[in-house]
Amino acid sequence: MLAEAAAPLGVEVVVLDPTPDCPAAPVARDQIVGGFDDADALAELAARADALTFEIELADPDLLDRVAEEHGVGVEPAPDTLRTIEDKLEQKQAYADAGIPVPPFRRVDDETDLRAAVEAFDGVMLKARTGGYDGRGNVPVQDPADAADALSAVGGPAMAEAFVDFARELSVIGVVGRDEVRTFPVTETIHREEILRETVVPARTTEDVAARADEVARDVLDFLDGRGVYGIELFETRDGEILVNEVAPRPHNSGHWTIEGSSASQFEQHVRAVLGWPLGTADARAPTVTANVLGDVEDPQDATLRGVDGVLSADCAAMHWYGKREARPLRKMGHFTLSDADADPDTLLARAKELRDGLTFREDATD
């Protein structure tokens, strides 16, 4: 999607990805096949680039710094931001130290630490400090007796975070440019099993809460270093407070609505920001709902999506297929967006859910 947004601007994208013929390959200028920690592959990429950016937190910030210096090319956002982000405990501590509101949390090194956290917070979400994604690496713990099993499931250094009694989850997509900062309208994010299912714009919250969410997001953008797009995940508590959950220093799934729902998508904004160009407007064109298309299979299988005609024939719908060749349980395979100036968010959300119910990867399903 970044390459698709870059092309109309006359910007060519070269991709480094370990998967041969990766999903970005058909729309990118070229692909270098290599791991995110492959120094030779990254050096080859830097030698061909005017600017480097990353879209996954598995990139190695030390390697990015070294290669960028050797080849005289900039990296945006800054590798220091990636260092802050890649460890969830360090990320939370950094925000707390900066006065940015976050849920209560504790470091967990062993069972004793976890049991103490569960008792202190009356239950916690245990999170792997590194590598967790789409709910993986997160384990809810309500009983201190479950500490050993939870730590085993996480499989490494961890952080315990108090459960938040939230009214809804929100997201702000922020953009840091050369000399300007812009934020898209506050997005409502709907998760199940800790995986994003739908986004709703405008968020179904009050103007005061939306204003506070934007204020907190801008504080985060001011704290982190480097140009580009940031996905800032937030909790709205029952009493209308805003807490920062996590931040992704890259275009984010909760901002995919901007492709159809805004005049300049998060991907176009990221290209502009990384290159130091003026940013586009970040207003919403119309109420917009996005629904993720997830693997609904029990075991991995070839990715053949059935029932897609229903989405393609729907008014105001836009389908996005990610080009992944294997469907896995709950794997994000694509999304579609409904953007309609004549519909309210509730109506669009109901339509989106109905359309997605007609999609399946299961071979035993009827088209």
Protein backbone atom coordinates (compact mmCIF):
# COMPACT_ATOMS: atom_id res chain seq x y z
CA MET A 1 0.00 0.00 0.00
CA LEU A 2 2.98 2.30 0.57
CA ALA A 3 4.27 1.55 -2.93
CA GLU A 4 0.81 2.09 -4.41
CA ALA A 5 0.65 5.51 -2.76
CA ALA A 6 4.20 6.42 -3.77
CA ALA A 7 3.79 5.71 -7.49
CA PRO A 8 1.52 8.68 -8.36
CA LEU A 9 4.04 10.96 -6.63
CA GLY A 10 6.82 9.71 -8.91
CA VAL A 11 8.51 7.85 -6.05
CA GLU A 12 9.90 4.37 -6.64
CA VAL A 13 9.94 1.89 -3.75
CA VAL A 14 12.48 -0.90 -3.34
CA VAL A 15 11.46 -3.49 -0.76
CA LEU A 16 13.59 -5.62 1.55
CA ASP A 17 11.64 -8.71 2.58
CA PRO A 18 12.68 -12.27 3.45
CA THR A 19 9.82 -13.84 1.48
CA PRO A 20 10.59 -14.28 -2.24
CA ASP A 21 7.99 -12.53 -4.42
CA CYS A 22 6.55 -10.94 -1.28
CA PRO A 23 3.12 -9.22 -1.26
CA ALA A 24 4.71 -5.84 -2.05
CA ALA A 25 6.69 -7.16 -5.03
CA PRO A 26 3.99 -6.70 -7.72
CA VAL A 27 3.65 -2.97 -6.99
CA ALA A 28 7.22 -2.11 -5.94
CA ARG A 29 10.08 -1.12 -8.25
CA ASP A 30 12.13 -4.06 -7.03
CA GLN A 31 12.59 -6.47 -4.14
CA ILE A 32 15.74 -7.46 -2.31
CA VAL A 33 15.25 -10.84 -0.69
CA GLY A 34 16.78 -10.85 2.76
CA GLY A 35 16.04 -10.88 6.46
CA PHE A 36 15.37 -7.71 8.41
CA ASP A 37 18.67 -8.28 10.25
CA ASP A 38 20.67 -9.14 7.09
CA ALA A 39 23.44 -6.54 7.01
CA ASP A 40 24.44 -7.23 3.40
CA ALA A 41 20.87 -7.01 2.14
CA LEU A 42 20.23 -3.80 4.05
CA ALA A 43 23.45 -2.32 2.71
CA GLU A 44 22.32 -3.15 -0.82
CA LEU A 45 19.01 -1.45 -0.10
CA ALA A 46 20.68 1.66 1.33
CA ALA A 47 22.97 1.90 -1.68
CA ARG A 48 19.93 2.17 -3.95
CA ALA A 49 17.86 4.52 -1.78
CA ASP A 50 17.46 8.24 -1.21
CA ALA A 51 15.64 7.51 2.05
CA LEU A 52 15.03 4.47 4.24
CA THR A 53 11.93 3.66 6.27
CA PHE A 54 10.52 0.56 7.93
CA GLU A 55 7.06 -0.92 8.33
CA ILE A 56 7.78 -3.59 10.90
CA GLU A 57 9.24 -3.31 14.37
CA LEU A 58 11.50 -6.33 13.79
CA ALA A 59 13.98 -4.07 12.01
CA ASP A 60 17.28 -3.73 13.86
CA PRO A 61 17.84 -0.08 14.90
CA ASP A 62 21.60 -0.51 15.42
CA LEU A 63 21.96 -2.00 11.95
CA LEU A 64 19.82 0.76 10.44
CA ASP A 65 22.00 3.39 12.07
CA ARG A 66 25.23 1.79 10.86
CA VAL A 67 24.13 1.17 7.29
CA ALA A 68 22.56 4.60 6.95
CA GLU A 69 25.77 6.28 8.11
CA GLU A 70 27.94 4.18 5.81
CA HIS A 71 25.81 5.02 2.76
CA GLY A 72 24.86 8.59 3.66
CA VAL A 73 21.12 7.98 3.62
CA GLY A 74 18.57 9.06 6.20
CA VAL A 75 16.24 6.76 8.16
CA GLU A 76 12.79 7.96 9.16
CA PRO A 77 11.37 7.56 11.77
CA ALA A 78 14.60 7.67 13.76
CA PRO A 79 16.11 4.35 14.86
CA ASP A 80 16.04 5.73 18.43
CA THR A 81 12.25 5.68 18.23
CA LEU A 82 12.39 2.06 17.13
CA ARG A 83 14.58 1.32 20.16
CA THR A 84 11.92 2.84 22.41
CA ILE A 85 9.05 1.05 20.69
CA GLU A 86 10.44 -2.47 20.31
CA ASP A 87 10.40 -3.23 24.06
CA LYS A 88 6.90 -2.76 25.48
CA LEU A 89 8.16 -2.21 29.01
CA GLU A 90 10.66 0.45 27.96
CA GLN A 91 8.01 2.03 25.76
CA LYS A 92 5.53 2.32 28.63
CA GLN A 93 8.16 3.56 31.06
CA ALA A 94 9.30 6.21 28.61
CA TYR A 95 5.75 7.52 28.19
CA ALA A 96 5.13 7.50 31.94
CA ASP A 97 8.38 9.38 32.57
CA ALA A 98 7.30 11.97 29.97
CA GLY A 99 3.95 12.52 31.68
CA ILE A 100 1.95 10.75 28.97
CA PRO A 101 -1.00 8.85 30.55
CA VAL A 102 -0.69 5.05 30.48
CA PRO A 103 -2.34 2.19 32.41
CA PRO A 104 -0.57 0.94 35.57
CA PHE A 105 2.15 -1.58 34.70
CA ARG A 106 4.98 -3.57 36.22
CA ARG A 107 8.10 -5.37 35.09
CA VAL A 108 7.83 -9.16 35.30
CA ASP A 109 10.97 -11.25 35.54
CA ASP A 110 9.60 -14.32 37.30
CA GLU A 111 6.55 -15.95 38.87
CA THR A 112 6.90 -13.94 42.07
CA ASP A 113 6.73 -10.69 40.11
CA LEU A 114 3.68 -11.84 38.19
CA ARG A 115 1.80 -13.07 41.24
CA ALA A 116 2.44 -9.75 42.97
CA ALA A 117 1.18 -7.83 39.94
CA VAL A 118 -1.99 -9.92 39.68
CA GLU A 119 -2.74 -9.31 43.34
CA ALA A 120 -1.94 -5.59 43.15
CA PHE A 121 -3.97 -4.92 39.99
CA ASP A 122 -6.69 -7.56 40.54
CA GLY A 123 -5.77 -9.25 37.27
CA VAL A 124 -3.41 -8.25 34.47
CA MET A 125 -2.67 -8.58 30.81
CA LEU A 126 0.75 -10.22 30.63
CA LYS A 127 2.60 -8.99 27.54
CA ALA A 128 5.82 -10.22 25.99
CA ARG A 129 8.19 -7.30 25.99
CA THR A 130 9.32 -7.97 22.42
CA GLY A 131 7.90 -9.62 19.33
CA GLY A 132 4.20 -9.69 20.23
CA TYR A 133 1.79 -8.87 17.41
CA ASP A 134 -1.98 -9.15 16.80
CA GLY A 135 -2.59 -10.55 20.26
CA ARG A 136 0.29 -13.01 20.13
CA GLY A 137 2.47 -12.71 23.20
CA ASN A 138 -0.44 -11.43 25.32
CA VAL A 139 -1.97 -13.60 28.07
CA PRO A 140 -4.71 -12.47 30.49
CA VAL A 141 -3.99 -13.57 34.08
CA GLN A 142 -6.67 -13.36 36.78
CA ASP A 143 -5.39 -15.91 39.30
CA PRO A 144 -1.89 -15.80 40.84
CA ALA A 145 -1.85 -19.60 40.64
CA ASP A 146 -1.71 -19.31 36.84
CA ALA A 147 1.57 -17.39 36.88
CA ALA A 148 3.82 -20.24 35.77
CA ASP A 149 1.62 -21.24 32.82
CA ALA A 150 1.23 -17.62 31.70
CA LEU A 151 4.96 -16.97 31.74
CA SER A 152 5.54 -20.15 29.78
CA ALA A 153 2.99 -19.07 27.18
CA VAL A 154 4.62 -15.66 26.79
CA GLY A 155 8.01 -17.32 26.49
CA GLY A 156 10.35 -14.54 27.58
CA PRO A 157 10.75 -11.24 29.41
CA ALA A 158 7.36 -9.73 30.13
CA MET A 159 5.37 -6.79 31.39
CA ALA A 160 2.16 -6.93 33.43
CA GLU A 161 -0.40 -4.25 32.67
CA ALA A 162 -3.54 -3.60 34.70
CA PHE A 163 -6.81 -4.35 32.93
CA VAL A 164 -8.45 -1.14 31.74
CA ASP A 165 -12.21 -0.82 32.15
CA PHE A 166 -12.56 1.01 28.85
CA ALA A 167 -15.64 2.36 27.16
CA ARG A 168 -14.04 1.91 23.76
CA GLU A 169 -10.68 1.65 22.08
CA LEU A 170 -9.50 4.51 19.90
CA SER A 171 -6.67 5.28 17.54
CA VAL A 172 -5.09 8.43 16.20
CA ILE A 173 -2.97 8.32 13.06
CA GLY A 174 -0.45 11.11 13.39
CA VAL A 175 2.02 12.43 10.83
CA VAL A 176 5.26 14.22 11.63
CA GLY A 177 6.61 16.18 8.70
CA ARG A 178 9.69 18.30 8.19
CA ASP A 179 8.16 21.29 10.01
CA GLU A 180 4.52 20.35 10.62
CA VAL A 181 2.42 17.80 12.47
CA ARG A 182 -1.00 16.59 11.38
CA THR A 183 -3.47 14.14 12.86
CA PHE A 184 -6.31 12.30 11.17
CA PRO A 185 -9.72 12.25 12.87
CA VAL A 186 -9.96 10.01 15.92
CA THR A 187 -10.80 6.44 14.91
CA GLU A 188 -12.82 3.93 16.92
CA THR A 189 -11.22 0.49 16.83
CA ILE A 190 -13.14 -2.70 17.52
CA HIS A 191 -11.16 -5.75 18.61
CA ARG A 192 -12.05 -9.35 19.33
CA GLU A 193 -9.50 -11.83 20.63
CA GLU A 194 -7.14 -8.82 20.68
CA ILE A 195 -7.21 -8.58 16.88
CA LEU A 196 -8.57 -5.53 15.11
CA ARG A 197 -11.80 -6.36 13.30
CA GLU A 198 -13.35 -3.00 12.35
CA THR A 199 -12.58 0.71 12.45
CA VAL A 200 -15.19 3.46 12.56
CA VAL A 201 -14.69 7.12 11.56
CA PRO A 202 -15.82 9.35 13.11
CA ALA A 203 -15.38 7.55 16.42
CA ARG A 204 -18.67 7.18 18.29
CA THR A 205 -17.57 9.24 21.26
CA THR A 206 -17.99 12.79 22.54
CA GLU A 207 -16.27 15.86 21.13
CA ASP A 208 -14.46 16.37 24.45
CA VAL A 209 -13.07 12.82 24.44
CA ALA A 210 -12.01 13.11 20.80
CA ALA A 211 -10.25 16.39 21.54
CA ARG A 212 -8.44 14.82 24.51
CA ALA A 213 -7.42 11.81 22.39
CA ASP A 214 -5.94 14.14 19.78
CA GLU A 215 -4.12 16.10 22.50
CA VAL A 216 -2.55 12.96 23.99
CA ALA A 217 -1.59 11.71 20.52
CA ARG A 218 0.17 14.98 19.77
CA ASP A 219 2.08 14.68 23.05
CA VAL A 220 3.26 11.24 21.88
CA LEU A 221 4.32 12.62 18.50
CA ASP A 222 6.23 15.41 20.22
CA PHE A 223 8.01 12.87 22.44
CA LEU A 224 9.09 10.43 19.73
CA ASP A 225 11.78 11.25 17.20
CA GLY A 226 11.61 11.17 13.44
CA ARG A 227 9.39 11.96 10.49
CA GLY A 228 6.64 9.67 9.29
CA VAL A 229 3.29 8.19 10.25
CA TYR A 230 2.57 6.86 13.73
CA GLY A 231 -0.36 4.69 14.76
CA ILE A 232 -1.27 5.61 18.35
CA GLU A 233 -3.57 3.13 20.08
CA LEU A 234 -5.61 4.50 22.99
CA PHE A 235 -8.12 3.49 25.64
CA GLU A 236 -11.11 5.67 26.48
CA THR A 237 -11.97 4.84 30.10
CA ARG A 238 -15.49 4.78 31.50
CA ASP A 239 -14.96 8.22 32.99
CA GLY A 240 -13.73 9.74 29.72
CA GLU A 241 -9.99 9.65 30.37
CA ILE A 242 -7.49 8.73 27.64
CA LEU A 243 -4.66 6.25 28.20
CA VAL A 244 -1.99 5.24 25.70
CA ASN A 245 -1.92 1.52 24.91
CA GLU A 246 0.83 1.12 22.30
CA VAL A 247 2.37 3.11 19.47
CA ALA A 248 3.52 1.85 16.06
CA PRO A 249 6.09 4.08 14.28
CA ARG A 250 4.67 3.28 10.84
CA PRO A 251 1.38 3.21 8.91
CA HIS A 252 -1.08 1.20 10.97
CA ASN A 253 -4.02 -1.13 10.34
CA SER A 254 -6.33 1.30 12.14
CA GLY A 255 -5.48 3.91 9.50
CA HIS A 256 -6.31 1.88 6.41
CA TRP A 257 -9.62 3.75 6.22
CA THR A 258 -7.69 6.80 5.02
CA ILE A 259 -7.11 5.28 1.56
CA GLU A 260 -10.73 5.92 0.58
CA GLY A 261 -11.80 8.11 3.50
CA SER A 262 -9.29 10.96 3.20
CA SER A 263 -7.81 12.97 0.36
CA ALA A 264 -4.26 11.92 1.34
CA SER A 265 -3.96 8.44 2.84
CA GLN A 266 -1.66 7.54 5.71
CA PHE A 267 0.61 5.86 3.14
CA GLU A 268 0.88 8.95 0.96
CA GLN A 269 1.48 11.03 4.09
CA HIS A 270 4.27 8.66 5.15
CA VAL A 271 6.00 9.00 1.79
CA ARG A 272 5.73 12.77 1.94
CA ALA A 273 6.98 12.91 5.53
CA VAL A 274 9.94 10.57 5.05
CA LEU A 275 11.11 12.59 2.04
CA GLY A 276 10.59 15.91 3.84
CA TRP A 277 7.87 17.05 1.46
CA PRO A 278 4.81 19.11 2.51
CA LEU A 279 2.06 16.99 4.05
CA GLY A 280 -1.42 16.59 2.63
CA THR A 281 -4.66 17.38 4.40
CA ALA A 282 -5.77 14.85 7.01
CA ASP A 283 -9.52 15.48 7.02
CA ALA A 284 -12.12 12.76 6.53
CA ARG A 285 -14.12 12.93 3.33
CA ALA A 286 -17.10 11.03 4.72
CA PRO A 287 -18.09 8.58 7.45
CA THR A 288 -15.95 5.50 6.83
CA VAL A 289 -15.84 1.96 8.17
CA THR A 290 -13.16 -0.62 7.47
CA ALA A 291 -13.53 -4.38 8.08
CA ASN A 292 -10.54 -6.69 8.21
CA VAL A 293 -10.70 -9.97 6.31
CA LEU A 294 -9.15 -12.66 8.52
CA GLY A 295 -8.33 -16.27 7.90
CA ASP A 296 -11.37 -18.26 9.08
CA VAL A 297 -9.69 -21.66 8.73
CA GLU A 298 -8.54 -24.11 11.38
CA ASP A 299 -5.29 -25.04 9.61
CA PRO A 300 -3.12 -23.20 7.07
CA GLN A 301 -4.30 -23.58 3.47
CA ASP A 302 -4.04 -21.87 0.09
CA ALA A 303 -5.57 -18.41 0.20
CA THR A 304 -8.63 -18.56 -2.02
CA LEU A 305 -11.24 -16.04 -0.90
CA ARG A 306 -14.82 -17.05 -1.61
CA GLY A 307 -17.85 -14.74 -1.76
CA VAL A 308 -15.86 -11.65 -2.76
CA ASP A 309 -18.43 -10.68 -5.41
CA GLY A 310 -20.67 -9.44 -2.62
CA VAL A 311 -18.14 -6.83 -1.60
CA LEU A 312 -17.15 -5.89 -5.13
CA SER A 313 -20.78 -5.23 -6.09
CA ALA A 314 -21.65 -3.23 -2.95
CA ASP A 315 -22.13 0.52 -3.21
CA CYS A 316 -19.29 2.64 -1.81
CA ALA A 317 -17.13 -0.44 -1.11
CA ALA A 318 -13.42 -0.80 -1.88
CA MET A 319 -11.61 -4.13 -1.59
CA HIS A 320 -7.93 -4.50 -0.68
CA TRP A 321 -6.19 -7.87 -1.02
CA TYR A 322 -2.80 -8.20 0.62
CA GLY A 323 -1.35 -10.85 -1.67
CA LYS A 324 -0.60 -13.40 1.05
CA ARG A 325 -0.68 -16.85 -0.46
CA GLU A 326 -1.51 -18.82 2.66
CA ALA A 327 -4.56 -18.34 4.87
CA ARG A 328 -3.94 -19.08 8.55
CA PRO A 329 -6.27 -18.85 11.54
CA LEU A 330 -7.08 -15.15 12.15
CA ARG A 331 -4.32 -13.97 9.82
CA LYS A 332 -5.01 -10.58 8.25
CA MET A 333 -5.49 -11.29 4.57
CA GLY A 334 -7.08 -8.06 3.40
CA HIS A 335 -9.69 -5.48 4.23
CA PHE A 336 -12.52 -3.60 2.63
CA THR A 337 -13.80 -0.09 3.25
CA LEU A 338 -17.23 1.51 3.07
CA SER A 339 -17.09 5.30 2.77
CA ASP A 340 -20.42 7.07 2.27
CA ALA A 341 -21.29 10.72 2.92
CA ASP A 342 -24.98 9.83 3.10
CA ALA A 343 -24.66 7.13 5.80
CA ASP A 344 -24.01 7.28 9.52
CA PRO A 345 -21.27 5.17 11.18
CA ASP A 346 -23.70 2.69 12.73
CA THR A 347 -25.30 1.95 9.38
CA LEU A 348 -21.93 1.53 7.68
CA LEU A 349 -20.69 -0.78 10.44
CA ALA A 350 -23.76 -3.02 10.13
CA ARG A 351 -23.34 -3.16 6.34
CA ALA A 352 -19.65 -4.00 6.68
CA LYS A 353 -20.30 -6.86 9.08
CA GLU A 354 -22.98 -8.27 6.79
CA LEU A 355 -20.67 -8.12 3.78
CA ARG A 356 -17.82 -9.75 5.67
CA ASP A 357 -20.10 -12.57 6.81
CA GLY A 358 -20.30 -13.53 3.14
CA LEU A 359 -16.53 -14.00 2.85
CA THR A 360 -14.69 -17.21 3.66
CA PHE A 361 -11.51 -19.14 2.92
CA ARG A 362 -13.10 -22.45 3.87
CA GLU A 363 -13.19 -24.97 1.08
CA ASP A 364 -16.38 -26.54 2.42
CA ALA A 365 -18.30 -23.26 2.24
CA THR A 366 -20.76 -22.43 -0.51
CA ASP A 367 -19.93 -19.43 -2.69
